[in-house]
Amino acid sequence: MDADDAPHVANGNYGVLPADVLYNIFLCLPANPLCHLRLVCHSWWSLTPDPLFARAHSSRHPHVAALHCNLQALHVVDLHDKIVVKRLHLGQPGFFLGT
C-alpha cells in the first residue's frame, strides 16, 4: 500500500471530539440522557456542572410537567421524556401536602 492508498486520519485526534463540539451536542440532549452521559468520563462530566451550561441547556429545553394525583401519591411527569421524575407519597388518604 503506497501513501496515496493509505486511509486518511483526521488531525490525529483518535476520535476525540473538541470540548466545544461536545458542549454543543450536550446542549441538544434532553436532561435524562445527559445525566447518564455524564458518567462516561471525567471530561464529559466536567462540561455539565457549569452554571452557563445549565442556563443554556434549560433555555433550549423548557420544563414541561404534568401532575397526577391519586389517594396514595402525587406524580410529577416530564412530558418531554414521558417519565415520572418525582413521586411523593401522601401517607394516609385524606391528607394533603402543603407548601
Protein backbone atom coordinates (compact mmCIF):
# COMPACT_ATOMS: atom_id res chain seq x y z
CA MET A 1 0.00 0.00 0.00
CA ASP A 2 1.55 3.29 -1.03
CA ALA A 3 0.90 6.72 0.56
CA ASP A 4 -1.94 7.53 -1.86
CA ASP A 5 -3.91 4.43 -0.84
CA ALA A 6 -3.50 4.91 2.93
CA PRO A 7 -6.65 5.78 4.91
CA HIS A 8 -6.85 9.40 5.99
CA VAL A 9 -6.76 10.18 9.71
CA ALA A 10 -8.37 13.46 10.73
CA ASN A 11 -5.80 15.55 12.60
CA GLY A 12 -4.55 12.60 14.64
CA ASN A 13 -7.11 13.14 17.41
CA TYR A 14 -8.04 9.44 17.51
CA GLY A 15 -11.79 10.07 17.63
CA VAL A 16 -11.72 12.61 20.46
CA LEU A 17 -14.12 15.47 19.86
CA PRO A 18 -13.14 19.00 20.88
CA ALA A 19 -14.82 20.31 24.04
CA ASP A 20 -16.81 22.97 22.16
CA VAL A 21 -18.29 20.32 19.86
CA LEU A 22 -19.26 18.12 22.83
CA TYR A 23 -20.72 21.19 24.57
CA ASN A 24 -23.00 21.90 21.59
CA ILE A 25 -24.02 18.25 21.30
CA PHE A 26 -24.83 18.10 25.02
CA LEU A 27 -26.99 21.23 24.71
CA CYS A 28 -29.23 19.35 22.26
CA LEU A 29 -29.80 16.34 24.53
CA PRO A 30 -32.74 16.02 26.94
CA ALA A 31 -31.82 16.09 30.63
CA ASN A 32 -32.29 12.38 31.38
CA PRO A 33 -29.85 11.03 28.73
CA LEU A 34 -27.46 13.88 29.56
CA CYS A 35 -27.30 12.72 33.19
CA HIS A 36 -26.35 9.24 32.01
CA LEU A 37 -23.68 10.55 29.63
CA ARG A 38 -22.03 12.46 32.47
CA LEU A 39 -20.94 9.08 33.83
CA VAL A 40 -18.89 8.18 30.74
CA CYS A 41 -15.73 10.03 31.73
CA HIS A 42 -14.46 12.95 33.79
CA SER A 43 -14.02 15.26 30.80
CA TRP A 44 -17.67 14.77 29.79
CA TRP A 45 -18.81 15.30 33.36
CA SER A 46 -16.74 18.50 33.67
CA LEU A 47 -18.76 20.18 30.90
CA THR A 48 -22.12 19.88 32.65
CA PRO A 49 -21.86 21.47 36.16
CA ASP A 50 -21.01 24.89 34.72
CA PRO A 51 -23.83 27.40 35.51
CA LEU A 52 -23.56 28.81 31.98
CA PHE A 53 -24.14 25.34 30.55
CA ALA A 54 -27.12 24.80 32.85
CA ARG A 55 -28.65 28.12 31.80
CA ALA A 56 -28.05 27.45 28.09
CA HIS A 57 -29.44 23.91 28.39
CA SER A 58 -32.57 24.98 30.26
CA SER A 59 -33.29 27.70 27.71
CA ARG A 60 -33.32 25.06 24.95
CA HIS A 61 -35.38 22.57 26.96
CA PRO A 62 -38.28 24.28 28.70
CA HIS A 63 -39.63 22.39 31.67
CA VAL A 64 -42.94 20.84 30.79
CA ALA A 65 -44.52 18.79 33.52
CA ALA A 66 -47.83 17.30 34.44
CA LEU A 67 -49.15 16.38 37.85
CA HIS A 68 -51.12 13.25 38.54
CA CYS A 69 -52.55 12.63 41.99
CA ASN A 70 -54.26 9.57 43.37
CA LEU A 71 -55.02 8.78 47.01
CA GLN A 72 -51.55 7.38 47.71
CA ALA A 73 -49.12 9.56 45.75
CA LEU A 74 -48.53 12.68 43.72
CA HIS A 75 -46.60 12.05 40.47
CA VAL A 76 -44.64 14.74 38.62
CA VAL A 77 -44.27 13.69 34.98
CA ASP A 78 -41.75 15.06 32.47
CA LEU A 79 -43.79 15.25 29.28
CA HIS A 80 -40.71 15.51 27.05
CA ASP A 81 -39.13 12.25 28.23
CA LYS A 82 -42.51 10.72 29.18
CA ILE A 83 -41.27 9.56 32.58
CA VAL A 84 -42.24 10.10 36.20
CA VAL A 85 -39.48 12.30 37.60
CA LYS A 86 -40.75 12.57 41.17
CA ARG A 87 -43.16 10.55 43.24
CA LEU A 88 -44.38 11.99 46.55
CA HIS A 89 -46.14 9.55 48.84
CA LEU A 90 -49.04 11.26 50.59
CA GLY A 91 -49.23 8.91 53.53
CA GLN A 92 -52.77 8.45 54.77
CA PRO A 93 -55.68 9.02 52.37
CA GLY A 94 -57.46 12.29 53.02
CA PHE A 95 -54.35 14.25 53.98
CA PHE A 96 -52.83 16.74 51.54
CA LEU A 97 -49.36 18.16 51.21
CA GLY A 98 -48.94 21.90 51.64
CA THR A 99 -46.10 24.17 50.63
